[in-house]
Structure formats: C-alpha cells, structure tokens
Amino acid sequence: MLSGSRSRLSLATLGLISALSGPAGAQTPAKELFGSEATPSAGPPQSIGFYSKGCLSGAMEMPKDGPTWQVMKPSRNRAFAHPTMIRFLQRLSGDAAREAHWRGLLFGDMAQPRGVARQ
C-alpha cells in the first residue's frame, strides 16, 4: 500500500497522463503550425533539424524577380531560405547568365517562411 503523499502523487501523475492523452491534450502537428505562418521568425539565421523534419529561424525571402532569376508560383509562399543560400542562388543565376548565356534561372519550392516545405 502506498503512503498518503505517495498515493496523492501517483493519482496526480495518472490524472496528468490521462488529461494529456485525451482529445484535450492533442496538439496541432508542427507542419500545420509552421505552414500557417506567413513571415519568417525573428532572430539570427539558423537551420534546425533535418530538411524534411526541421525548421528555419531568420529566413530570407528570395525576391520574386531579379535580373537573372524569377520565383515560380509565388502564391505558394515557398521562396524562403537561409540568407547564405539566397545570396548563393542570386550569384549562381548571374554567373549562369554571364558564362553560359542563359536567360535566367527559375526558383521554386525552397521553403516556407519558417522552414517547412513539405505538407
């Protein structure tokens, strides 16, 4: 038999577990929470986790149109990346236009503002 204080603790623990496992404790999946955000999070740029199960802090948006690039399907709001990646892609598109005589590059489906790209 449990002592009085241990019994109360056990009952409290069972109550907490029970409350969290029911419908009231159900949480919205991260992909829905992150996917519903329209703007990047504040703070320094940082990739967190893996590309398919991670997020991005301090993302930068690729401008819709540039001298040597264009963002495809801007309505999907998936033209965000780490600022270093954005600068690299802008430089790459300029180099491709200059050296390979391409008219420009098309970019799409990089990431949503908080980093989740897959839904």
PDB file of N, CA and C in Angstrom:
ATOM      1  N   MET A   1       0.845  -1.172   0.000  1.00  0.00           N
ATOM      2  CA  MET A   1       0.000   0.000   0.000  1.00  0.00           C
ATOM      3  C   MET A   1       0.890   1.235   0.000  1.00  0.00           C
ATOM      4  N   LEU A   2       0.478   2.256  -0.708  1.00  0.00           N
ATOM      5  CA  LEU A   2       1.239   3.493  -0.803  1.00  0.00           C
ATOM      6  C   LEU A   2       0.950   4.401   0.368  1.00  0.00           C
ATOM      7  N   SER A   3       1.976   5.149   0.760  1.00  0.00           N
ATOM      8  CA  SER A   3       1.751   6.115   1.840  1.00  0.00           C
ATOM      9  C   SER A   3       0.889   7.251   1.298  1.00  0.00           C
ATOM     10  N   GLY A   4       0.371   8.100   2.161  1.00  0.00           N
ATOM     11  CA  GLY A   4      -0.552   9.167   1.771  1.00  0.00           C
ATOM     12  C   GLY A   4       0.012  10.115   0.732  1.00  0.00           C
ATOM     13  N   SER A   5       1.232  10.640   0.935  1.00  0.00           N
ATOM     14  CA  SER A   5       1.789  11.607  -0.020  1.00  0.00           C
ATOM     15  C   SER A   5       2.160  10.935  -1.331  1.00  0.00           C
ATOM     16  N   ARG A   6       2.641   9.685  -1.265  1.00  0.00           N
ATOM     17  CA  ARG A   6       2.978   8.955  -2.484  1.00  0.00           C
ATOM     18  C   ARG A   6       1.722   8.614  -3.268  1.00  0.00           C
ATOM     19  N   SER A   7       0.659   8.305  -2.573  1.00  0.00           N
ATOM     20  CA  SER A   7      -0.611   7.988  -3.211  1.00  0.00           C
ATOM     21  C   SER A   7      -1.156   9.210  -3.944  1.00  0.00           C
ATOM     22  N   ARG A   8      -1.091  10.377  -3.304  1.00  0.00           N
ATOM     23  CA  ARG A   8      -1.562  11.611  -3.945  1.00  0.00           C
ATOM     24  C   ARG A   8      -0.723  11.928  -5.179  1.00  0.00           C
ATOM     25  N   LEU A   9       0.589  11.724  -5.079  1.00  0.00           N
ATOM     26  CA  LEU A   9       1.483  11.968  -6.208  1.00  0.00           C
ATOM     27  C   LEU A   9       1.150  11.040  -7.365  1.00  0.00           C
ATOM     28  N   SER A  10       0.926   9.776  -7.064  1.00  0.00           N
ATOM     29  CA  SER A  10       0.599   8.810  -8.109  1.00  0.00           C
ATOM     30  C   SER A  10      -0.719   9.154  -8.772  1.00  0.00           C
ATOM     31  N   LEU A  11      -1.718   9.549  -7.988  1.00  0.00           N
ATOM     32  CA  LEU A  11      -3.008   9.929  -8.550  1.00  0.00           C
ATOM     33  C   LEU A  11      -2.872  11.183  -9.411  1.00  0.00           C
ATOM     34  N   ALA A  12      -2.055  12.128  -8.964  1.00  0.00           N
ATOM     35  CA  ALA A  12      -1.839  13.341  -9.747  1.00  0.00           C
ATOM     36  C   ALA A  12      -1.144  13.014 -11.065  1.00  0.00           C
ATOM     37  N   THR A  13      -0.172  12.118 -11.024  1.00  0.00           N
ATOM     38  CA  THR A  13       0.542  11.714 -12.228  1.00  0.00           C
ATOM     39  C   THR A  13      -0.399  11.020 -13.198  1.00  0.00           C
ATOM     40  N   LEU A  14      -1.219  10.113 -12.688  1.00  0.00           N
ATOM     41  CA  LEU A  14      -2.185   9.424 -13.546  1.00  0.00           C
ATOM     42  C   LEU A  14      -3.184  10.404 -14.150  1.00  0.00           C
ATOM     43  N   GLY A  15      -3.591  11.375 -13.372  1.00  0.00           N
ATOM     44  CA  GLY A  15      -4.520  12.385 -13.891  1.00  0.00           C
ATOM     45  C   GLY A  15      -3.890  13.205 -15.005  1.00  0.00           C
ATOM     46  N   LEU A  16      -2.640  13.570 -14.832  1.00  0.00           N
ATOM     47  CA  LEU A  16      -1.935  14.337 -15.852  1.00  0.00           C
ATOM     48  C   LEU A  16      -1.770  13.525 -17.124  1.00  0.00           C
ATOM     49  N   ILE A  17      -1.357  12.285 -16.993  1.00  0.00           N
ATOM     50  CA  ILE A  17      -1.195  11.420 -18.158  1.00  0.00           C
ATOM     51  C   ILE A  17      -2.524  11.240 -18.866  1.00  0.00           C
ATOM     52  N   SER A  18      -3.553  11.026 -18.108  1.00  0.00           N
ATOM     53  CA  SER A  18      -4.887  10.854 -18.679  1.00  0.00           C
ATOM     54  C   SER A  18      -5.338  12.106 -19.420  1.00  0.00           C
ATOM     55  N   ALA A  19      -5.097  13.267 -18.852  1.00  0.00           N
ATOM     56  CA  ALA A  19      -5.513  14.525 -19.479  1.00  0.00           C
ATOM     57  C   ALA A  19      -4.747  14.775 -20.770  1.00  0.00           C
ATOM     58  N   LEU A  20      -3.453  14.474 -20.774  1.00  0.00           N
ATOM     59  CA  LEU A  20      -2.637  14.726 -21.957  1.00  0.00           C
ATOM     60  C   LEU A  20      -2.882  13.719 -23.068  1.00  0.00           C
ATOM     61  N   SER A  21      -3.360  12.549 -22.744  1.00  0.00           N
ATOM     62  CA  SER A  21      -3.553  11.539 -23.773  1.00  0.00           C
ATOM     63  C   SER A  21      -4.921  11.646 -24.439  1.00  0.00           C
ATOM     64  N   GLY A  22      -5.819  12.409 -23.875  1.00  0.00           N
ATOM     65  CA  GLY A  22      -7.148  12.555 -24.449  1.00  0.00           C
ATOM     66  C   GLY A  22      -7.205  13.648 -25.493  1.00  0.00           C
ATOM     67  N   PRO A  23      -8.389  13.914 -26.031  1.00  0.00           N
ATOM     68  CA  PRO A  23      -8.561  14.924 -27.074  1.00  0.00           C
ATOM     69  C   PRO A  23      -8.087  16.312 -26.641  1.00  0.00           C
ATOM     70  N   ALA A  24      -8.255  16.644 -25.375  1.00  0.00           N
ATOM     71  CA  ALA A  24      -7.846  17.973 -24.920  1.00  0.00           C
ATOM     72  C   ALA A  24      -6.330  18.131 -24.993  1.00  0.00           C
ATOM     73  N   GLY A  25      -5.569  17.033 -24.896  1.00  0.00           N
ATOM     74  CA  GLY A  25      -4.118  17.091 -24.933  1.00  0.00           C
ATOM     75  C   GLY A  25      -3.552  16.961 -26.339  1.00  0.00           C
ATOM     76  N   ALA A  26      -4.420  16.685 -27.315  1.00  0.00           N
ATOM     77  CA  ALA A  26      -3.950  16.546 -28.689  1.00  0.00           C
ATOM     78  C   ALA A  26      -3.379  17.879 -29.161  1.00  0.00           C
ATOM     79  N   GLN A  27      -2.275  17.801 -29.862  1.00  0.00           N
ATOM     80  CA  GLN A  27      -1.622  19.015 -30.332  1.00  0.00           C
ATOM     81  C   GLN A  27      -1.664  19.082 -31.834  1.00  0.00           C
ATOM     82  N   THR A  28      -1.640  20.308 -32.351  1.00  0.00           N
ATOM     83  CA  THR A  28      -1.596  20.526 -33.786  1.00  0.00           C
ATOM     84  C   THR A  28      -0.225  20.099 -34.302  1.00  0.00           C
ATOM     85  N   PRO A  29      -0.181  19.327 -35.382  1.00  0.00           N
ATOM     86  CA  PRO A  29       1.113  18.915 -35.931  1.00  0.00           C
ATOM     87  C   PRO A  29       1.974  20.125 -36.303  1.00  0.00           C
ATOM     88  N   ALA A  30       3.280  19.992 -36.125  1.00  0.00           N
ATOM     89  CA  ALA A  30       4.221  21.085 -36.401  1.00  0.00           C
ATOM     90  C   ALA A  30       4.105  21.568 -37.834  1.00  0.00           C
ATOM     91  N   LYS A  31       3.900  20.653 -38.799  1.00  0.00           N
ATOM     92  CA  LYS A  31       3.829  21.076 -40.195  1.00  0.00           C
ATOM     93  C   LYS A  31       2.659  22.038 -40.426  1.00  0.00           C
ATOM     94  N   GLU A  32       1.574  21.882 -39.661  1.00  0.00           N
ATOM     95  CA  GLU A  32       0.445  22.801 -39.792  1.00  0.00           C
ATOM     96  C   GLU A  32       0.740  24.135 -39.114  1.00  0.00           C
ATOM     97  N   LEU A  33       1.365  24.081 -37.943  1.00  0.00           N
ATOM     98  CA  LEU A  33       1.711  25.315 -37.239  1.00  0.00           C
ATOM     99  C   LEU A  33       2.708  26.146 -38.041  1.00  0.00           C
ATOM    100  N   PHE A  34       3.782  25.507 -38.499  1.00  0.00           N
ATOM    101  CA  PHE A  34       4.805  26.217 -39.251  1.00  0.00           C
ATOM    102  C   PHE A  34       4.273  26.653 -40.608  1.00  0.00           C
ATOM    103  N   GLY A  35       3.495  25.798 -41.262  1.00  0.00           N
ATOM    104  CA  GLY A  35       2.964  26.099 -42.582  1.00  0.00           C
ATOM    105  C   GLY A  35       1.970  27.237 -42.599  1.00  0.00           C
ATOM    106  N   SER A  36       1.352  27.520 -41.471  1.00  0.00           N
ATOM    107  CA  SER A  36       0.360  28.599 -41.430  1.00  0.00           C
ATOM    108  C   SER A  36       0.993  29.976 -41.231  1.00  0.00           C
ATOM    109  N   GLU A  37       2.278  30.011 -40.920  1.00  0.00           N
ATOM    110  CA  GLU A  37       2.961  31.286 -40.707  1.00  0.00           C
ATOM    111  C   GLU A  37       3.302  31.937 -42.043  1.00  0.00           C
ATOM    112  N   ALA A  38       3.029  33.232 -42.172  1.00  0.00           N
ATOM    113  CA  ALA A  38       3.269  33.947 -43.422  1.00  0.00           C
ATOM    114  C   ALA A  38       4.599  34.685 -43.442  1.00  0.00           C
ATOM    115  N   THR A  39       5.249  34.812 -42.296  1.00  0.00           N
ATOM    116  CA  THR A  39       6.503  35.552 -42.228  1.00  0.00           C
ATOM    117  C   THR A  39       7.562  34.720 -41.500  1.00  0.00           C
ATOM    118  N   PRO A  40       8.836  35.004 -41.774  1.00  0.00           N
ATOM    119  CA  PRO A  40       9.907  34.284 -41.063  1.00  0.00           C
ATOM    120  C   PRO A  40       9.923  34.644 -39.588  1.00  0.00           C
ATOM    121  N   SER A  41      10.518  33.782 -38.793  1.00  0.00           N
ATOM    122  CA  SER A  41      10.675  34.090 -37.374  1.00  0.00           C
ATOM    123  C   SER A  41      11.830  35.066 -37.202  1.00  0.00           C
ATOM    124  N   ALA A  42      11.781  35.824 -36.133  1.00  0.00           N
ATOM    125  CA  ALA A  42      12.851  36.775 -35.844  1.00  0.00           C
ATOM    126  C   ALA A  42      14.055  36.021 -35.304  1.00  0.00           C
ATOM    127  N   GLY A  43      15.171  36.663 -35.346  1.00  0.00           N
ATOM    128  CA  GLY A  43      16.371  36.057 -34.788  1.00  0.00           C
ATOM    129  C   GLY A  43      17.406  35.782 -35.846  1.00  0.00           C
ATOM    130  N   PRO A  44      18.550  35.319 -35.409  1.00  0.00           N
ATOM    131  CA  PRO A  44      19.625  35.049 -36.358  1.00  0.00           C
ATOM    132  C   PRO A  44      19.278  33.858 -37.246  1.00  0.00           C
ATOM    133  N   PRO A  45      19.773  33.850 -38.486  1.00  0.00           N
ATOM    134  CA  PRO A  45      19.504  32.730 -39.387  1.00  0.00           C
ATOM    135  C   PRO A  45      20.119  31.439 -38.842  1.00  0.00           C
ATOM    136  N   GLN A  46      19.291  30.401 -38.785  1.00  0.00           N
ATOM    137  CA  GLN A  46      19.774  29.127 -38.263  1.00  0.00           C
ATOM    138  C   GLN A  46      18.876  28.004 -38.769  1.00  0.00           C
ATOM    139  N   SER A  47      19.483  27.006 -39.365  1.00  0.00           N
ATOM    140  CA  SER A  47      18.760  25.802 -39.750  1.00  0.00           C
ATOM    141  C   SER A  47      18.714  24.888 -38.546  1.00  0.00           C
ATOM    142  N   ILE A  48      17.548  24.331 -38.266  1.00  0.00           N
ATOM    143  CA  ILE A  48      17.360  23.484 -37.099  1.00  0.00           C
ATOM    144  C   ILE A  48      16.749  22.171 -37.567  1.00  0.00           C
ATOM    145  N   GLY A  49      17.436  21.062 -37.318  1.00  0.00           N
ATOM    146  CA  GLY A  49      16.913  19.764 -37.702  1.00  0.00           C
ATOM    147  C   GLY A  49      17.307  19.369 -39.112  1.00  0.00           C
ATOM    148  N   PHE A  50      16.550  18.461 -39.672  1.00  0.00           N
ATOM    149  CA  PHE A  50      16.794  17.882 -40.988  1.00  0.00           C
ATOM    150  C   PHE A  50      15.868  18.544 -41.993  1.00  0.00           C
ATOM    151  N   TYR A  51      16.197  18.519 -43.287  1.00  0.00           N
ATOM    152  CA  TYR A  51      15.393  19.240 -44.270  1.00  0.00           C
ATOM    153  C   TYR A  51      13.939  18.810 -44.301  1.00  0.00           C
ATOM    154  N   SER A  52      13.658  17.548 -44.027  1.00  0.00           N
ATOM    155  CA  SER A  52      12.270  17.086 -44.070  1.00  0.00           C
ATOM    156  C   SER A  52      11.588  17.128 -42.705  1.00  0.00           C
ATOM    157  N   LYS A  53      12.347  17.366 -41.654  1.00  0.00           N
ATOM    158  CA  LYS A  53      11.777  17.444 -40.304  1.00  0.00           C
ATOM    159  C   LYS A  53      12.561  18.470 -39.514  1.00  0.00           C
ATOM    160  N   GLY A  54      12.473  19.690 -39.961  1.00  0.00           N
ATOM    161  CA  GLY A  54      13.209  20.752 -39.293  1.00  0.00           C
ATOM    162  C   GLY A  54      12.508  22.079 -39.479  1.00  0.00           C
ATOM    163  N   CYS A  55      13.195  23.126 -39.083  1.00  0.00           N
ATOM    164  CA  CYS A  55      12.654  24.454 -39.245  1.00  0.00           C
ATOM    165  C   CYS A  55      13.792  25.426 -39.487  1.00  0.00           C
ATOM    166  N   LEU A  56      13.448  26.661 -39.760  1.00  0.00           N
ATOM    167  CA  LEU A  56      14.425  27.677 -40.103  1.00  0.00           C
ATOM    168  C   LEU A  56      14.104  28.952 -39.354  1.00  0.00           C
ATOM    169  N   SER A  57      15.087  29.458 -38.667  1.00  0.00           N
ATOM    170  CA  SER A  57      14.949  30.728 -37.956  1.00  0.00           C
ATOM    171  C   SER A  57      15.629  31.804 -38.789  1.00  0.00           C
ATOM    172  N   GLY A  58      15.055  32.979 -38.831  1.00  0.00           N
ATOM    173  CA  GLY A  58      15.683  34.106 -39.526  1.00  0.00           C
ATOM    174  C   GLY A  58      15.798  33.925 -41.025  1.00  0.00           C
ATOM    175  N   ALA A  59      14.820  33.289 -41.648  1.00  0.00           N
ATOM    176  CA  ALA A  59      14.855  33.054 -43.094  1.00  0.00           C
ATOM    177  C   ALA A  59      14.796  34.373 -43.867  1.00  0.00           C
ATOM    178  N   MET A  60      15.229  34.293 -45.115  1.00  0.00           N
ATOM    179  CA  MET A  60      15.179  35.433 -46.023  1.00  0.00           C
ATOM    180  C   MET A  60      14.363  35.007 -47.240  1.00  0.00           C
ATOM    181  N   GLU A  61      13.582  35.927 -47.775  1.00  0.00           N
ATOM    182  CA  GLU A  61      12.778  35.607 -48.950  1.00  0.00           C
ATOM    183  C   GLU A  61      13.535  35.981 -50.216  1.00  0.00           C
ATOM    184  N   MET A  62      13.529  35.078 -51.189  1.00  0.00           N
ATOM    185  CA  MET A  62      14.109  35.373 -52.497  1.00  0.00           C
ATOM    186  C   MET A  62      13.187  36.387 -53.172  1.00  0.00           C
ATOM    187  N   PRO A  63      13.718  37.534 -53.626  1.00  0.00           N
ATOM    188  CA  PRO A  63      12.865  38.487 -54.341  1.00  0.00           C
ATOM    189  C   PRO A  63      12.200  37.799 -55.534  1.00  0.00           C
ATOM    190  N   LYS A  64      10.954  38.145 -55.794  1.00  0.00           N
ATOM    191  CA  LYS A  64      10.167  37.459 -56.831  1.00  0.00           C
ATOM    192  C   LYS A  64      10.833  37.505 -58.202  1.00  0.00           C
ATOM    193  N   ASP A  65      11.350  38.657 -58.566  1.00  0.00           N
ATOM    194  CA  ASP A  65      12.002  38.824 -59.856  1.00  0.00           C
ATOM    195  C   ASP A  65      13.348  39.491 -59.648  1.00  0.00           C
ATOM    196  N   GLY A  66      14.339  38.995 -60.364  1.00  0.00           N
ATOM    197  CA  GLY A  66      15.664  39.592 -60.318  1.00  0.00           C
ATOM    198  C   GLY A  66      16.190  39.726 -61.725  1.00  0.00           C
ATOM    199  N   PRO A  67      17.365  40.291 -61.876  1.00  0.00           N
ATOM    200  CA  PRO A  67      17.904  40.489 -63.218  1.00  0.00           C
ATOM    201  C   PRO A  67      18.161  39.176 -63.958  1.00  0.00           C
ATOM    202  N   THR A  68      18.418  38.095 -63.209  1.00  0.00           N
ATOM    203  CA  THR A  68      18.729  36.806 -63.851  1.00  0.00           C
ATOM    204  C   THR A  68      17.974  35.640 -63.211  1.00  0.00           C
ATOM    205  N   TRP A  69      16.866  35.925 -62.549  1.00  0.00           N
ATOM    206  CA  TRP A  69      16.068  34.848 -61.945  1.00  0.00           C
ATOM    207  C   TRP A  69      14.614  35.276 -61.821  1.00  0.00           C
ATOM    208  N   GLN A  70      13.784  34.276 -61.573  1.00  0.00           N
ATOM    209  CA  GLN A  70      12.363  34.503 -61.302  1.00  0.00           C
ATOM    210  C   GLN A  70      11.888  33.391 -60.372  1.00  0.00           C
ATOM    211  N   VAL A  71      11.044  33.744 -59.409  1.00  0.00           N
ATOM    212  CA  VAL A  71      10.465  32.765 -58.498  1.00  0.00           C
ATOM    213  C   VAL A  71       9.200  32.202 -59.142  1.00  0.00           C
ATOM    214  N   MET A  72       9.113  30.879 -59.184  1.00  0.00           N
ATOM    215  CA  MET A  72       7.936  30.210 -59.734  1.00  0.00           C
ATOM    216  C   MET A  72       6.863  30.065 -58.662  1.00  0.00           C
ATOM    217  N   LYS A  73       5.629  30.198 -59.042  1.00  0.00           N
ATOM    218  CA  LYS A  73       4.473  30.021 -58.164  1.00  0.00           C
ATOM    219  C   LYS A  73       4.616  30.779 -56.840  1.00  0.00           C
ATOM    220  N   PRO A  74       4.788  32.092 -56.884  1.00  0.00           N
ATOM    221  CA  PRO A  74       4.974  32.857 -55.639  1.00  0.00           C
ATOM    222  C   PRO A  74       3.785  32.757 -54.687  1.00  0.00           C
ATOM    223  N   SER A  75       2.620  32.410 -55.189  1.00  0.00           N
ATOM    224  CA  SER A  75       1.439  32.304 -54.322  1.00  0.00           C
ATOM    225  C   SER A  75       1.588  31.180 -53.295  1.00  0.00           C
ATOM    226  N   ARG A  76       2.494  30.244 -53.528  1.00  0.00           N
ATOM    227  CA  ARG A  76       2.689  29.140 -52.582  1.00  0.00           C
ATOM    228  C   ARG A  76       3.525  29.552 -51.376  1.00  0.00           C
ATOM    229  N   ASN A  77       4.136  30.742 -51.439  1.00  0.00           N
ATOM    230  CA  ASN A  77       4.917  31.288 -50.319  1.00  0.00           C
ATOM    231  C   ASN A  77       6.048  30.342 -49.899  1.00  0.00           C
ATOM    232  N   ARG A  78       6.763  29.822 -50.897  1.00  0.00           N
ATOM    233  CA  ARG A  78       7.852  28.874 -50.628  1.00  0.00           C
ATOM    234  C   ARG A  78       9.169  29.330 -51.245  1.00  0.00           C
ATOM    235  N   ALA A  79       9.456  30.605 -51.111  1.00  0.00           N
ATOM    236  CA  ALA A  79      10.696  31.158 -51.672  1.00  0.00           C
ATOM    237  C   ALA A  79      11.612  31.658 -50.558  1.00  0.00           C
ATOM    238  N   PHE A  80      11.637  30.952 -49.439  1.00  0.00           N
ATOM    239  CA  PHE A  80      12.447  31.348 -48.294  1.00  0.00           C
ATOM    240  C   PHE A  80      13.603  30.373 -48.112  1.00  0.00           C
ATOM    241  N   ALA A  81      14.720  30.908 -47.610  1.00  0.00           N
ATOM    242  CA  ALA A  81      15.891  30.071 -47.326  1.00  0.00           C
ATOM    243  C   ALA A  81      16.818  30.841 -46.388  1.00  0.00           C
ATOM    244  N   HIS A  82      17.863  30.180 -45.975  1.00  0.00           N
ATOM    245  CA  HIS A  82      18.912  30.825 -45.180  1.00  0.00           C
ATOM    246  C   HIS A  82      19.499  31.940 -46.057  1.00  0.00           C
ATOM    247  N   PRO A  83      19.797  33.114 -45.500  1.00  0.00           N
ATOM    248  CA  PRO A  83      20.343  34.220 -46.300  1.00  0.00           C
ATOM    249  C   PRO A  83      21.575  33.835 -47.121  1.00  0.00           C
ATOM    250  N   THR A  84      22.417  32.946 -46.599  1.00  0.00           N
ATOM    251  CA  THR A  84      23.595  32.494 -47.351  1.00  0.00           C
ATOM    252  C   THR A  84      23.163  31.757 -48.615  1.00  0.00           C
ATOM    253  N   MET A  85      22.106  30.950 -48.522  1.00  0.00           N
ATOM    254  CA  MET A  85      21.593  30.228 -49.688  1.00  0.00           C
ATOM    255  C   MET A  85      21.001  31.196 -50.706  1.00  0.00           C
ATOM    256  N   ILE A  86      20.258  32.191 -50.246  1.00  0.00           N
ATOM    257  CA  ILE A  86      19.674  33.184 -51.160  1.00  0.00           C
ATOM    258  C   ILE A  86      20.781  33.902 -51.931  1.00  0.00           C
ATOM    259  N   ARG A  87      21.815  34.358 -51.228  1.00  0.00           N
ATOM    260  CA  ARG A  87      22.928  35.052 -51.894  1.00  0.00           C
ATOM    261  C   ARG A  87      23.628  34.128 -52.892  1.00  0.00           C
ATOM    262  N   PHE A  88      23.807  32.855 -52.523  1.00  0.00           N
ATOM    263  CA  PHE A  88      24.431  31.894 -53.428  1.00  0.00           C
ATOM    264  C   PHE A  88      23.601  31.735 -54.702  1.00  0.00           C
ATOM    265  N   LEU A  89      22.293  31.567 -54.566  1.00  0.00           N
ATOM    266  CA  LEU A  89      21.432  31.371 -55.732  1.00  0.00           C
ATOM    267  C   LEU A  89      21.418  32.610 -56.630  1.00  0.00           C
ATOM    268  N   GLN A  90      21.432  33.786 -56.029  1.00  0.00           N
ATOM    269  CA  GLN A  90      21.478  35.015 -56.828  1.00  0.00           C
ATOM    270  C   GLN A  90      22.803  35.098 -57.600  1.00  0.00           C
ATOM    271  N   ARG A  91      23.887  34.764 -56.937  1.00  0.00           N
ATOM    272  CA  ARG A  91      25.206  34.779 -57.589  1.00  0.00           C
ATOM    273  C   ARG A  91      25.265  33.716 -58.686  1.00  0.00           C
ATOM    274  N   LEU A  92      24.739  32.504 -58.401  1.00  0.00           N
ATOM    275  CA  LEU A  92      24.724  31.418 -59.378  1.00  0.00           C
ATOM    276  C   LEU A  92      23.949  31.825 -60.633  1.00  0.00           C
ATOM    277  N   SER A  93      22.794  32.438 -60.440  1.00  0.00           N
ATOM    278  CA  SER A  93      21.989  32.817 -61.606  1.00  0.00           C
ATOM    279  C   SER A  93      22.706  33.880 -62.446  1.00  0.00           C
ATOM    280  N   GLY A  94      23.411  34.797 -61.788  1.00  0.00           N
ATOM    281  CA  GLY A  94      24.189  35.799 -62.527  1.00  0.00           C
ATOM    282  C   GLY A  94      25.342  35.162 -63.282  1.00  0.00           C
ATOM    283  N   ASP A  95      26.045  34.229 -62.639  1.00  0.00           N
ATOM    284  CA  ASP A  95      27.151  33.529 -63.289  1.00  0.00           C
ATOM    285  C   ASP A  95      26.650  32.712 -64.482  1.00  0.00           C
ATOM    286  N   ALA A  96      25.509  32.025 -64.315  1.00  0.00           N
ATOM    287  CA  ALA A  96      24.951  31.212 -65.400  1.00  0.00           C
ATOM    288  C   ALA A  96      24.550  32.092 -66.587  1.00  0.00           C
ATOM    289  N   ALA A  97      23.995  33.237 -66.300  1.00  0.00           N
ATOM    290  CA  ALA A  97      23.595  34.141 -67.381  1.00  0.00           C
ATOM    291  C   ALA A  97      24.823  34.670 -68.125  1.00  0.00           C
ATOM    292  N   ARG A  98      25.830  35.018 -67.375  1.00  0.00           N
ATOM    293  CA  ARG A  98      27.030  35.610 -67.967  1.00  0.00           C
ATOM    294  C   ARG A  98      27.892  34.566 -68.681  1.00  0.00           C
ATOM    295  N   GLU A  99      28.151  33.445 -68.013  1.00  0.00           N
ATOM    296  CA  GLU A  99      29.101  32.467 -68.548  1.00  0.00           C
ATOM    297  C   GLU A  99      28.471  31.441 -69.487  1.00  0.00           C
ATOM    298  N   ALA A 100      27.248  31.050 -69.239  1.00  0.00           N
ATOM    299  CA  ALA A 100      26.594  30.036 -70.073  1.00  0.00           C
ATOM    300  C   ALA A 100      25.561  30.657 -71.010  1.00  0.00           C
ATOM    301  N   HIS A 101      25.432  31.969 -70.935  1.00  0.00           N
ATOM    302  CA  HIS A 101      24.483  32.711 -71.790  1.00  0.00           C
ATOM    303  C   HIS A 101      23.044  32.249 -71.598  1.00  0.00           C
ATOM    304  N   TRP A 102      22.705  31.881 -70.353  1.00  0.00           N
ATOM    305  CA  TRP A 102      21.328  31.532 -70.033  1.00  0.00           C
ATOM    306  C   TRP A 102      20.542  32.818 -69.856  1.00  0.00           C
ATOM    307  N   ARG A 103      19.264  32.771 -70.155  1.00  0.00           N
ATOM    308  CA  ARG A 103      18.409  33.947 -69.967  1.00  0.00           C
ATOM    309  C   ARG A 103      18.062  34.155 -68.501  1.00  0.00           C
ATOM    310  N   GLY A 104      18.149  33.121 -67.699  1.00  0.00           N
ATOM    311  CA  GLY A 104      17.843  33.235 -66.278  1.00  0.00           C
ATOM    312  C   GLY A 104      17.458  31.898 -65.692  1.00  0.00           C
ATOM    313  N   LEU A 105      17.412  31.845 -64.379  1.00  0.00           N
ATOM    314  CA  LEU A 105      17.026  30.630 -63.667  1.00  0.00           C
ATOM    315  C   LEU A 105      15.666  30.824 -63.021  1.00  0.00           C
ATOM    316  N   LEU A 106      14.937  29.733 -62.900  1.00  0.00           N
ATOM    317  CA  LEU A 106      13.650  29.732 -62.216  1.00  0.00           C
ATOM    318  C   LEU A 106      13.815  29.014 -60.880  1.00  0.00           C
ATOM    319  N   PHE A 107      13.318  29.612 -59.812  1.00  0.00           N
ATOM    320  CA  PHE A 107      13.413  29.019 -58.479  1.00  0.00           C
ATOM    321  C   PHE A 107      12.023  28.734 -57.944  1.00  0.00           C
ATOM    322  N   GLY A 108      11.882  27.618 -57.261  1.00  0.00           N
ATOM    323  CA  GLY A 108      10.601  27.286 -56.645  1.00  0.00           C
ATOM    324  C   GLY A 108      10.777  26.273 -55.532  1.00  0.00           C
ATOM    325  N   ASP A 109       9.822  26.241 -54.636  1.00  0.00           N
ATOM    326  CA  ASP A 109       9.772  25.273 -53.538  1.00  0.00           C
ATOM    327  C   ASP A 109      11.076  25.163 -52.737  1.00  0.00           C
ATOM    328  N   MET A 110      11.584  26.303 -52.279  1.00  0.00           N
ATOM    329  CA  MET A 110      12.735  26.260 -51.378  1.00  0.00           C
ATOM    330  C   MET A 110      12.228  25.911 -49.984  1.00  0.00           C
ATOM    331  N   ALA A 111      11.519  26.819 -49.353  1.00  0.00           N
ATOM    332  CA  ALA A 111      10.928  26.545 -48.042  1.00  0.00           C
ATOM    333  C   ALA A 111       9.880  27.606 -47.748  1.00  0.00           C
ATOM    334  N   GLN A 112       9.002  27.292 -46.820  1.00  0.00           N
ATOM    335  CA  GLN A 112       8.049  28.269 -46.328  1.00  0.00           C
ATOM    336  C   GLN A 112       8.781  29.179 -45.338  1.00  0.00           C
ATOM    337  N   PRO A 113       8.167  30.273 -44.906  1.00  0.00           N
ATOM    338  CA  PRO A 113       8.857  31.246 -44.054  1.00  0.00           C
ATOM    339  C   PRO A 113       9.521  30.671 -42.805  1.00  0.00           C
ATOM    340  N   ARG A 114       8.939  29.636 -42.214  1.00  0.00           N
ATOM    341  CA  ARG A 114       9.537  29.057 -41.004  1.00  0.00           C
ATOM    342  C   ARG A 114      10.290  27.780 -41.294  1.00  0.00           C
ATOM    343  N   GLY A 115      10.421  27.450 -42.593  1.00  0.00           N
ATOM    344  CA  GLY A 115      11.295  26.356 -42.982  1.00  0.00           C
ATOM    345  C   GLY A 115      10.653  25.076 -43.452  1.00  0.00           C
ATOM    346  N   VAL A 116       9.404  24.837 -43.198  1.00  0.00           N
ATOM    347  CA  VAL A 116       8.771  23.594 -43.608  1.00  0.00           C
ATOM    348  C   VAL A 116       8.329  23.723 -45.058  1.00  0.00           C
ATOM    349  N   ALA A 117       8.750  22.811 -45.898  1.00  0.00           N
ATOM    350  CA  ALA A 117       8.374  22.882 -47.305  1.00  0.00           C
ATOM    351  C   ALA A 117       7.411  21.778 -47.700  1.00  0.00           C
ATOM    352  N   ARG A 118       7.366  20.719 -46.938  1.00  0.00           N
ATOM    353  CA  ARG A 118       6.507  19.581 -47.291  1.00  0.00           C
ATOM    354  C   ARG A 118       5.257  19.586 -46.419  1.00  0.00           C
ATOM    355  N   GLN A 119       4.124  19.348 -47.047  1.00  0.00           N
ATOM    356  CA  GLN A 119       2.868  19.334 -46.299  1.00  0.00           C
ATOM    357  C   GLN A 119       2.170  18.013 -46.451  1.00  0.00           C
TER     358      GLN A 119
END
